[in-house]
Amino acid sequence: MAKKLKLNLKGFEDVRTSHKVRDELRKRAKKVAAAAGGEAKGFKVTDLVLERNRAAVSVLATGHALNSNRKHHSLIRALDAGRD
């Protein structure tokens, strides 16, 4: 007979919105941005503050980096840099 599993939804929410998770995401995003060329090339890391139900970070490509990313997929190629 299978046991019922009760999920702690409040616990999931606490983890998704925690500062530790946001800090870890920010750290990884900075590594990805640096591998793609860094802020000198136009890659910037920003917190998505409007995402209240989860910790979220974005790597933005501005100016020349935007066009370069479209052509060469710089951010996708740099994703492995965000691994630990």
PDB file of N, CA and C in Angstrom:
ATOM      1  N   MET A   1       0.840  -1.178   0.000  1.00  0.00           N
ATOM      2  CA  MET A   1       0.000   0.000   0.000  1.00  0.00           C
ATOM      3  C   MET A   1       0.891   1.249   0.000  1.00  0.00           C
ATOM      4  N   ALA A   2       0.619   2.142  -0.891  1.00  0.00           N
ATOM      5  CA  ALA A   2       1.421   3.364  -1.016  1.00  0.00           C
ATOM      6  C   ALA A   2       1.040   4.376   0.062  1.00  0.00           C
ATOM      7  N   LYS A   3       2.066   5.029   0.566  1.00  0.00           N
ATOM      8  CA  LYS A   3       1.816   6.081   1.561  1.00  0.00           C
ATOM      9  C   LYS A   3       1.545   7.383   0.832  1.00  0.00           C
ATOM     10  N   LYS A   4       0.718   8.223   1.438  1.00  0.00           N
ATOM     11  CA  LYS A   4       0.434   9.519   0.847  1.00  0.00           C
ATOM     12  C   LYS A   4       1.585  10.464   1.167  1.00  0.00           C
ATOM     13  N   LEU A   5       1.912  11.266   0.219  1.00  0.00           N
ATOM     14  CA  LEU A   5       2.981  12.240   0.369  1.00  0.00           C
ATOM     15  C   LEU A   5       2.351  13.626   0.439  1.00  0.00           C
ATOM     16  N   LYS A   6       2.640  14.329   1.509  1.00  0.00           N
ATOM     17  CA  LYS A   6       2.096  15.670   1.654  1.00  0.00           C
ATOM     18  C   LYS A   6       3.223  16.668   1.427  1.00  0.00           C
ATOM     19  N   LEU A   7       3.041  17.542   0.458  1.00  0.00           N
ATOM     20  CA  LEU A   7       4.047  18.531   0.120  1.00  0.00           C
ATOM     21  C   LEU A   7       3.875  19.776   0.991  1.00  0.00           C
ATOM     22  N   ASN A   8       4.992  20.337   1.395  1.00  0.00           N
ATOM     23  CA  ASN A   8       4.995  21.556   2.188  1.00  0.00           C
ATOM     24  C   ASN A   8       5.101  22.741   1.225  1.00  0.00           C
ATOM     25  N   LEU A   9       3.965  23.243   0.780  1.00  0.00           N
ATOM     26  CA  LEU A   9       3.953  24.311  -0.217  1.00  0.00           C
ATOM     27  C   LEU A   9       4.576  25.591   0.315  1.00  0.00           C
ATOM     28  N   LYS A  10       4.386  25.882   1.583  1.00  0.00           N
ATOM     29  CA  LYS A  10       5.004  27.061   2.191  1.00  0.00           C
ATOM     30  C   LYS A  10       6.524  26.924   2.153  1.00  0.00           C
ATOM     31  N   GLY A  11       7.031  25.724   2.369  1.00  0.00           N
ATOM     32  CA  GLY A  11       8.461  25.476   2.304  1.00  0.00           C
ATOM     33  C   GLY A  11       9.017  25.707   0.905  1.00  0.00           C
ATOM     34  N   PHE A  12       8.279  25.258  -0.122  1.00  0.00           N
ATOM     35  CA  PHE A  12       8.693  25.498  -1.505  1.00  0.00           C
ATOM     36  C   PHE A  12       8.762  26.997  -1.791  1.00  0.00           C
ATOM     37  N   GLU A  13       7.742  27.717  -1.326  1.00  0.00           N
ATOM     38  CA  GLU A  13       7.709  29.162  -1.540  1.00  0.00           C
ATOM     39  C   GLU A  13       8.868  29.844  -0.822  1.00  0.00           C
ATOM     40  N   ASP A  14       9.166  29.407   0.388  1.00  0.00           N
ATOM     41  CA  ASP A  14      10.277  29.987   1.147  1.00  0.00           C
ATOM     42  C   ASP A  14      11.610  29.784   0.425  1.00  0.00           C
ATOM     43  N   VAL A  15      11.797  28.604  -0.148  1.00  0.00           N
ATOM     44  CA  VAL A  15      13.040  28.331  -0.880  1.00  0.00           C
ATOM     45  C   VAL A  15      13.103  29.174  -2.144  1.00  0.00           C
ATOM     46  N   ARG A  16      11.999  29.223  -2.910  1.00  0.00           N
ATOM     47  CA  ARG A  16      11.989  29.983  -4.166  1.00  0.00           C
ATOM     48  C   ARG A  16      12.250  31.464  -3.973  1.00  0.00           C
ATOM     49  N   THR A  17      11.852  32.018  -2.842  1.00  0.00           N
ATOM     50  CA  THR A  17      11.987  33.455  -2.625  1.00  0.00           C
ATOM     51  C   THR A  17      13.132  33.818  -1.691  1.00  0.00           C
ATOM     52  N   SER A  18      13.935  32.862  -1.276  1.00  0.00           N
ATOM     53  CA  SER A  18      14.980  33.138  -0.286  1.00  0.00           C
ATOM     54  C   SER A  18      16.128  33.952  -0.881  1.00  0.00           C
ATOM     55  N   HIS A  19      16.791  34.706  -0.004  1.00  0.00           N
ATOM     56  CA  HIS A  19      17.930  35.517  -0.427  1.00  0.00           C
ATOM     57  C   HIS A  19      19.112  34.647  -0.844  1.00  0.00           C
ATOM     58  N   LYS A  20      19.268  33.495  -0.216  1.00  0.00           N
ATOM     59  CA  LYS A  20      20.362  32.596  -0.582  1.00  0.00           C
ATOM     60  C   LYS A  20      20.214  32.102  -2.017  1.00  0.00           C
ATOM     61  N   VAL A  21      18.996  31.774  -2.415  1.00  0.00           N
ATOM     62  CA  VAL A  21      18.750  31.321  -3.782  1.00  0.00           C
ATOM     63  C   VAL A  21      19.015  32.470  -4.751  1.00  0.00           C
ATOM     64  N   ARG A  22      18.535  33.675  -4.435  1.00  0.00           N
ATOM     65  CA  ARG A  22      18.767  34.831  -5.307  1.00  0.00           C
ATOM     66  C   ARG A  22      20.258  35.127  -5.424  1.00  0.00           C
ATOM     67  N   ASP A  23      21.000  35.038  -4.310  1.00  0.00           N
ATOM     68  CA  ASP A  23      22.445  35.277  -4.347  1.00  0.00           C
ATOM     69  C   ASP A  23      23.164  34.248  -5.210  1.00  0.00           C
ATOM     70  N   GLU A  24      22.749  32.993  -5.094  1.00  0.00           N
ATOM     71  CA  GLU A  24      23.356  31.928  -5.905  1.00  0.00           C
ATOM     72  C   GLU A  24      23.064  32.154  -7.391  1.00  0.00           C
ATOM     73  N   LEU A  25      21.833  32.522  -7.717  1.00  0.00           N
ATOM     74  CA  LEU A  25      21.483  32.805  -9.108  1.00  0.00           C
ATOM     75  C   LEU A  25      22.270  33.995  -9.641  1.00  0.00           C
ATOM     76  N   ARG A  26      22.424  35.029  -8.811  1.00  0.00           N
ATOM     77  CA  ARG A  26      23.180  36.214  -9.222  1.00  0.00           C
ATOM     78  C   ARG A  26      24.642  35.855  -9.484  1.00  0.00           C
ATOM     79  N   LYS A  27      25.217  35.016  -8.608  1.00  0.00           N
ATOM     80  CA  LYS A  27      26.614  34.595  -8.767  1.00  0.00           C
ATOM     81  C   LYS A  27      26.802  33.838 -10.083  1.00  0.00           C
ATOM     82  N   ARG A  28      25.893  32.937 -10.375  1.00  0.00           N
ATOM     83  CA  ARG A  28      25.986  32.164 -11.608  1.00  0.00           C
ATOM     84  C   ARG A  28      25.760  33.027 -12.841  1.00  0.00           C
ATOM     85  N   ALA A  29      24.822  33.970 -12.741  1.00  0.00           N
ATOM     86  CA  ALA A  29      24.555  34.868 -13.860  1.00  0.00           C
ATOM     87  C   ALA A  29      25.771  35.742 -14.156  1.00  0.00           C
ATOM     88  N   LYS A  30      26.476  36.174 -13.122  1.00  0.00           N
ATOM     89  CA  LYS A  30      27.682  36.983 -13.328  1.00  0.00           C
ATOM     90  C   LYS A  30      28.764  36.176 -14.040  1.00  0.00           C
ATOM     91  N   LYS A  31      28.869  34.893 -13.727  1.00  0.00           N
ATOM     92  CA  LYS A  31      29.839  34.038 -14.407  1.00  0.00           C
ATOM     93  C   LYS A  31      29.480  33.886 -15.887  1.00  0.00           C
ATOM     94  N   VAL A  32      28.193  33.718 -16.166  1.00  0.00           N
ATOM     95  CA  VAL A  32      27.739  33.579 -17.552  1.00  0.00           C
ATOM     96  C   VAL A  32      28.004  34.873 -18.314  1.00  0.00           C
ATOM     97  N   ALA A  33      27.668  36.009 -17.703  1.00  0.00           N
ATOM     98  CA  ALA A  33      27.888  37.298 -18.362  1.00  0.00           C
ATOM     99  C   ALA A  33      29.371  37.526 -18.628  1.00  0.00           C
ATOM    100  N   ALA A  34      30.218  37.176 -17.669  1.00  0.00           N
ATOM    101  CA  ALA A  34      31.669  37.345 -17.846  1.00  0.00           C
ATOM    102  C   ALA A  34      32.179  36.459 -18.980  1.00  0.00           C
ATOM    103  N   ALA A  35      31.681  35.228 -19.067  1.00  0.00           N
ATOM    104  CA  ALA A  35      32.117  34.320 -20.122  1.00  0.00           C
ATOM    105  C   ALA A  35      31.650  34.789 -21.502  1.00  0.00           C
ATOM    106  N   ALA A  36      30.531  35.517 -21.534  1.00  0.00           N
ATOM    107  CA  ALA A  36      30.018  36.016 -22.812  1.00  0.00           C
ATOM    108  C   ALA A  36      30.722  37.296 -23.245  1.00  0.00           C
ATOM    109  N   GLY A  37      31.486  37.900 -22.352  1.00  0.00           N
ATOM    110  CA  GLY A  37      32.206  39.124 -22.724  1.00  0.00           C
ATOM    111  C   GLY A  37      32.165  40.191 -21.656  1.00  0.00           C
ATOM    112  N   GLY A  38      31.317  40.016 -20.682  1.00  0.00           N
ATOM    113  CA  GLY A  38      31.271  40.937 -19.553  1.00  0.00           C
ATOM    114  C   GLY A  38      30.587  42.254 -19.850  1.00  0.00           C
ATOM    115  N   GLU A  39      30.629  43.111 -18.851  1.00  0.00           N
ATOM    116  CA  GLU A  39      29.961  44.404 -18.969  1.00  0.00           C
ATOM    117  C   GLU A  39      30.629  45.296 -20.008  1.00  0.00           C
ATOM    118  N   ALA A  40      31.916  45.090 -20.231  1.00  0.00           N
ATOM    119  CA  ALA A  40      32.626  45.876 -21.252  1.00  0.00           C
ATOM    120  C   ALA A  40      32.029  45.628 -22.639  1.00  0.00           C
ATOM    121  N   LYS A  41      31.530  44.431 -22.880  1.00  0.00           N
ATOM    122  CA  LYS A  41      30.916  44.088 -24.169  1.00  0.00           C
ATOM    123  C   LYS A  41      29.422  44.398 -24.195  1.00  0.00           C
ATOM    124  N   GLY A  42      28.825  44.666 -23.010  1.00  0.00           N
ATOM    125  CA  GLY A  42      27.414  45.029 -22.963  1.00  0.00           C
ATOM    126  C   GLY A  42      26.499  44.012 -22.316  1.00  0.00           C
ATOM    127  N   PHE A  43      27.054  43.056 -21.577  1.00  0.00           N
ATOM    128  CA  PHE A  43      26.233  42.069 -20.873  1.00  0.00           C
ATOM    129  C   PHE A  43      26.109  42.483 -19.412  1.00  0.00           C
ATOM    130  N   LYS A  44      24.872  42.679 -18.941  1.00  0.00           N
ATOM    131  CA  LYS A  44      24.623  43.153 -17.585  1.00  0.00           C
ATOM    132  C   LYS A  44      23.729  42.167 -16.843  1.00  0.00           C
ATOM    133  N   VAL A  45      23.988  42.004 -15.545  1.00  0.00           N
ATOM    134  CA  VAL A  45      23.184  41.135 -14.688  1.00  0.00           C
ATOM    135  C   VAL A  45      22.223  42.009 -13.890  1.00  0.00           C
ATOM    136  N   THR A  46      20.943  41.654 -13.912  1.00  0.00           N
ATOM    137  CA  THR A  46      19.944  42.409 -13.163  1.00  0.00           C
ATOM    138  C   THR A  46      19.032  41.465 -12.402  1.00  0.00           C
ATOM    139  N   ASP A  47      18.548  41.935 -11.256  1.00  0.00           N
ATOM    140  CA  ASP A  47      17.530  41.200 -10.501  1.00  0.00           C
ATOM    141  C   ASP A  47      16.174  41.520 -11.095  1.00  0.00           C
ATOM    142  N   LEU A  48      15.332  40.519 -11.212  1.00  0.00           N
ATOM    143  CA  LEU A  48      13.968  40.742 -11.678  1.00  0.00           C
ATOM    144  C   LEU A  48      13.096  40.940 -10.441  1.00  0.00           C
ATOM    145  N   VAL A  49      12.988  42.176 -10.005  1.00  0.00           N
ATOM    146  CA  VAL A  49      12.327  42.482  -8.736  1.00  0.00           C
ATOM    147  C   VAL A  49      10.815  42.347  -8.818  1.00  0.00           C
ATOM    148  N   LEU A  50      10.248  42.343  -9.993  1.00  0.00           N
ATOM    149  CA  LEU A  50       8.796  42.210 -10.112  1.00  0.00           C
ATOM    150  C   LEU A  50       8.339  40.767  -9.946  1.00  0.00           C
ATOM    151  N   GLU A  51       9.277  39.830  -9.934  1.00  0.00           N
ATOM    152  CA  GLU A  51       8.946  38.416  -9.731  1.00  0.00           C
ATOM    153  C   GLU A  51       8.848  38.165  -8.233  1.00  0.00           C
ATOM    154  N   ARG A  52       7.686  38.352  -7.663  1.00  0.00           N
ATOM    155  CA  ARG A  52       7.524  38.234  -6.209  1.00  0.00           C
ATOM    156  C   ARG A  52       7.461  36.781  -5.743  1.00  0.00           C
ATOM    157  N   ASN A  53       7.006  35.890  -6.591  1.00  0.00           N
ATOM    158  CA  ASN A  53       6.824  34.505  -6.149  1.00  0.00           C
ATOM    159  C   ASN A  53       8.053  33.631  -6.379  1.00  0.00           C
ATOM    160  N   ARG A  54       9.164  34.250  -6.834  1.00  0.00           N
ATOM    161  CA  ARG A  54      10.384  33.472  -7.024  1.00  0.00           C
ATOM    162  C   ARG A  54      11.589  34.402  -7.114  1.00  0.00           C
ATOM    163  N   ALA A  55      12.730  33.863  -6.816  1.00  0.00           N
ATOM    164  CA  ALA A  55      13.977  34.597  -7.004  1.00  0.00           C
ATOM    165  C   ALA A  55      14.318  34.509  -8.487  1.00  0.00           C
ATOM    166  N   ALA A  56      14.613  35.632  -9.115  1.00  0.00           N
ATOM    167  CA  ALA A  56      14.900  35.622 -10.539  1.00  0.00           C
ATOM    168  C   ALA A  56      15.981  36.642 -10.865  1.00  0.00           C
ATOM    169  N   VAL A  57      16.881  36.244 -11.755  1.00  0.00           N
ATOM    170  CA  VAL A  57      17.979  37.086 -12.199  1.00  0.00           C
ATOM    171  C   VAL A  57      18.053  36.965 -13.711  1.00  0.00           C
ATOM    172  N   SER A  58      18.457  38.050 -14.371  1.00  0.00           N
ATOM    173  CA  SER A  58      18.538  38.046 -15.821  1.00  0.00           C
ATOM    174  C   SER A  58      19.889  38.576 -16.277  1.00  0.00           C
ATOM    175  N   VAL A  59      20.380  38.039 -17.384  1.00  0.00           N
ATOM    176  CA  VAL A  59      21.563  38.595 -18.037  1.00  0.00           C
ATOM    177  C   VAL A  59      21.054  39.303 -19.283  1.00  0.00           C
ATOM    178  N   LEU A  60      21.226  40.615 -19.309  1.00  0.00           N
ATOM    179  CA  LEU A  60      20.762  41.425 -20.432  1.00  0.00           C
ATOM    180  C   LEU A  60      21.903  41.707 -21.393  1.00  0.00           C
ATOM    181  N   ALA A  61      21.594  41.694 -22.656  1.00  0.00           N
ATOM    182  CA  ALA A  61      22.562  42.085 -23.674  1.00  0.00           C
ATOM    183  C   ALA A  61      22.119  43.443 -24.208  1.00  0.00           C
ATOM    184  N   THR A  62      22.992  44.445 -24.098  1.00  0.00           N
ATOM    185  CA  THR A  62      22.646  45.798 -24.532  1.00  0.00           C
ATOM    186  C   THR A  62      23.538  46.213 -25.700  1.00  0.00           C
ATOM    187  N   GLY A  63      23.029  47.101 -26.515  1.00  0.00           N
ATOM    188  CA  GLY A  63      23.811  47.664 -27.607  1.00  0.00           C
ATOM    189  C   GLY A  63      24.397  46.613 -28.536  1.00  0.00           C
ATOM    190  N   HIS A  64      25.713  46.688 -28.718  1.00  0.00           N
ATOM    191  CA  HIS A  64      26.425  45.774 -29.615  1.00  0.00           C
ATOM    192  C   HIS A  64      26.258  44.321 -29.166  1.00  0.00           C
ATOM    193  N   ALA A  65      26.228  44.099 -27.857  1.00  0.00           N
ATOM    194  CA  ALA A  65      26.092  42.733 -27.335  1.00  0.00           C
ATOM    195  C   ALA A  65      24.772  42.102 -27.768  1.00  0.00           C
ATOM    196  N   LEU A  66      23.731  42.898 -27.885  1.00  0.00           N
ATOM    197  CA  LEU A  66      22.438  42.377 -28.315  1.00  0.00           C
ATOM    198  C   LEU A  66      22.529  41.810 -29.723  1.00  0.00           C
ATOM    199  N   ASN A  67      23.132  42.562 -30.617  1.00  0.00           N
ATOM    200  CA  ASN A  67      23.281  42.091 -32.002  1.00  0.00           C
ATOM    201  C   ASN A  67      24.231  40.905 -32.078  1.00  0.00           C
ATOM    202  N   SER A  68      25.307  40.959 -31.312  1.00  0.00           N
ATOM    203  CA  SER A  68      26.264  39.855 -31.289  1.00  0.00           C
ATOM    204  C   SER A  68      25.610  38.582 -30.752  1.00  0.00           C
ATOM    205  N   ASN A  69      24.793  38.734 -29.709  1.00  0.00           N
ATOM    206  CA  ASN A  69      24.112  37.574 -29.133  1.00  0.00           C
ATOM    207  C   ASN A  69      23.139  36.967 -30.135  1.00  0.00           C
ATOM    208  N   ARG A  70      22.444  37.797 -30.876  1.00  0.00           N
ATOM    209  CA  ARG A  70      21.520  37.283 -31.901  1.00  0.00           C
ATOM    210  C   ARG A  70      22.251  36.480 -32.967  1.00  0.00           C
ATOM    211  N   LYS A  71      23.412  36.970 -33.342  1.00  0.00           N
ATOM    212  CA  LYS A  71      24.152  36.330 -34.425  1.00  0.00           C
ATOM    213  C   LYS A  71      24.951  35.116 -33.964  1.00  0.00           C
ATOM    214  N   HIS A  72      25.609  35.228 -32.803  1.00  0.00           N
ATOM    215  CA  HIS A  72      26.538  34.190 -32.352  1.00  0.00           C
ATOM    216  C   HIS A  72      26.051  33.371 -31.163  1.00  0.00           C
ATOM    217  N   HIS A  73      24.884  33.704 -30.606  1.00  0.00           N
ATOM    218  CA  HIS A  73      24.327  32.993 -29.449  1.00  0.00           C
ATOM    219  C   HIS A  73      25.320  32.986 -28.275  1.00  0.00           C
ATOM    220  N   SER A  74      25.875  34.150 -27.989  1.00  0.00           N
ATOM    221  CA  SER A  74      26.920  34.280 -26.972  1.00  0.00           C
ATOM    222  C   SER A  74      26.470  33.814 -25.588  1.00  0.00           C
ATOM    223  N   LEU A  75      25.255  34.164 -25.187  1.00  0.00           N
ATOM    224  CA  LEU A  75      24.784  33.783 -23.851  1.00  0.00           C
ATOM    225  C   LEU A  75      24.544  32.280 -23.743  1.00  0.00           C
ATOM    226  N   ILE A  76      23.989  31.693 -24.770  1.00  0.00           N
ATOM    227  CA  ILE A  76      23.768  30.238 -24.732  1.00  0.00           C
ATOM    228  C   ILE A  76      25.086  29.500 -24.678  1.00  0.00           C
ATOM    229  N   ARG A  77      26.069  29.966 -25.434  1.00  0.00           N
ATOM    230  CA  ARG A  77      27.388  29.324 -25.431  1.00  0.00           C
ATOM    231  C   ARG A  77      28.097  29.491 -24.092  1.00  0.00           C
ATOM    232  N   ALA A  78      27.751  30.541 -23.347  1.00  0.00           N
ATOM    233  CA  ALA A  78      28.404  30.819 -22.076  1.00  0.00           C
ATOM    234  C   ALA A  78      27.693  30.170 -20.881  1.00  0.00           C
ATOM    235  N   LEU A  79      26.616  29.455 -21.104  1.00  0.00           N
ATOM    236  CA  LEU A  79      25.850  28.882 -19.994  1.00  0.00           C
ATOM    237  C   LEU A  79      26.660  27.937 -19.111  1.00  0.00           C
ATOM    238  N   ASP A  80      27.561  27.174 -19.687  1.00  0.00           N
ATOM    239  CA  ASP A  80      28.350  26.228 -18.875  1.00  0.00           C
ATOM    240  C   ASP A  80      29.197  26.948 -17.830  1.00  0.00           C
ATOM    241  N   ALA A  81      29.507  28.218 -18.045  1.00  0.00           N
ATOM    242  CA  ALA A  81      30.309  28.969 -17.069  1.00  0.00           C
ATOM    243  C   ALA A  81      29.543  29.155 -15.765  1.00  0.00           C
ATOM    244  N   GLY A  82      28.238  29.075 -15.808  1.00  0.00           N
ATOM    245  CA  GLY A  82      27.411  29.255 -14.610  1.00  0.00           C
ATOM    246  C   GLY A  82      27.303  28.014 -13.749  1.00  0.00           C
ATOM    247  N   ARG A  83      27.861  26.908 -14.201  1.00  0.00           N
ATOM    248  CA  ARG A  83      27.820  25.671 -13.404  1.00  0.00           C
ATOM    249  C   ARG A  83      28.864  25.726 -12.304  1.00  0.00           C
ATOM    250  N   ASP A  84      28.591  25.018 -11.262  1.00  0.00           N
ATOM    251  CA  ASP A  84      29.579  24.882 -10.181  1.00  0.00           C
ATOM    252  C   ASP A  84      30.183  23.505 -10.193  1.00  0.00           C
TER     253      ASP A  84
END
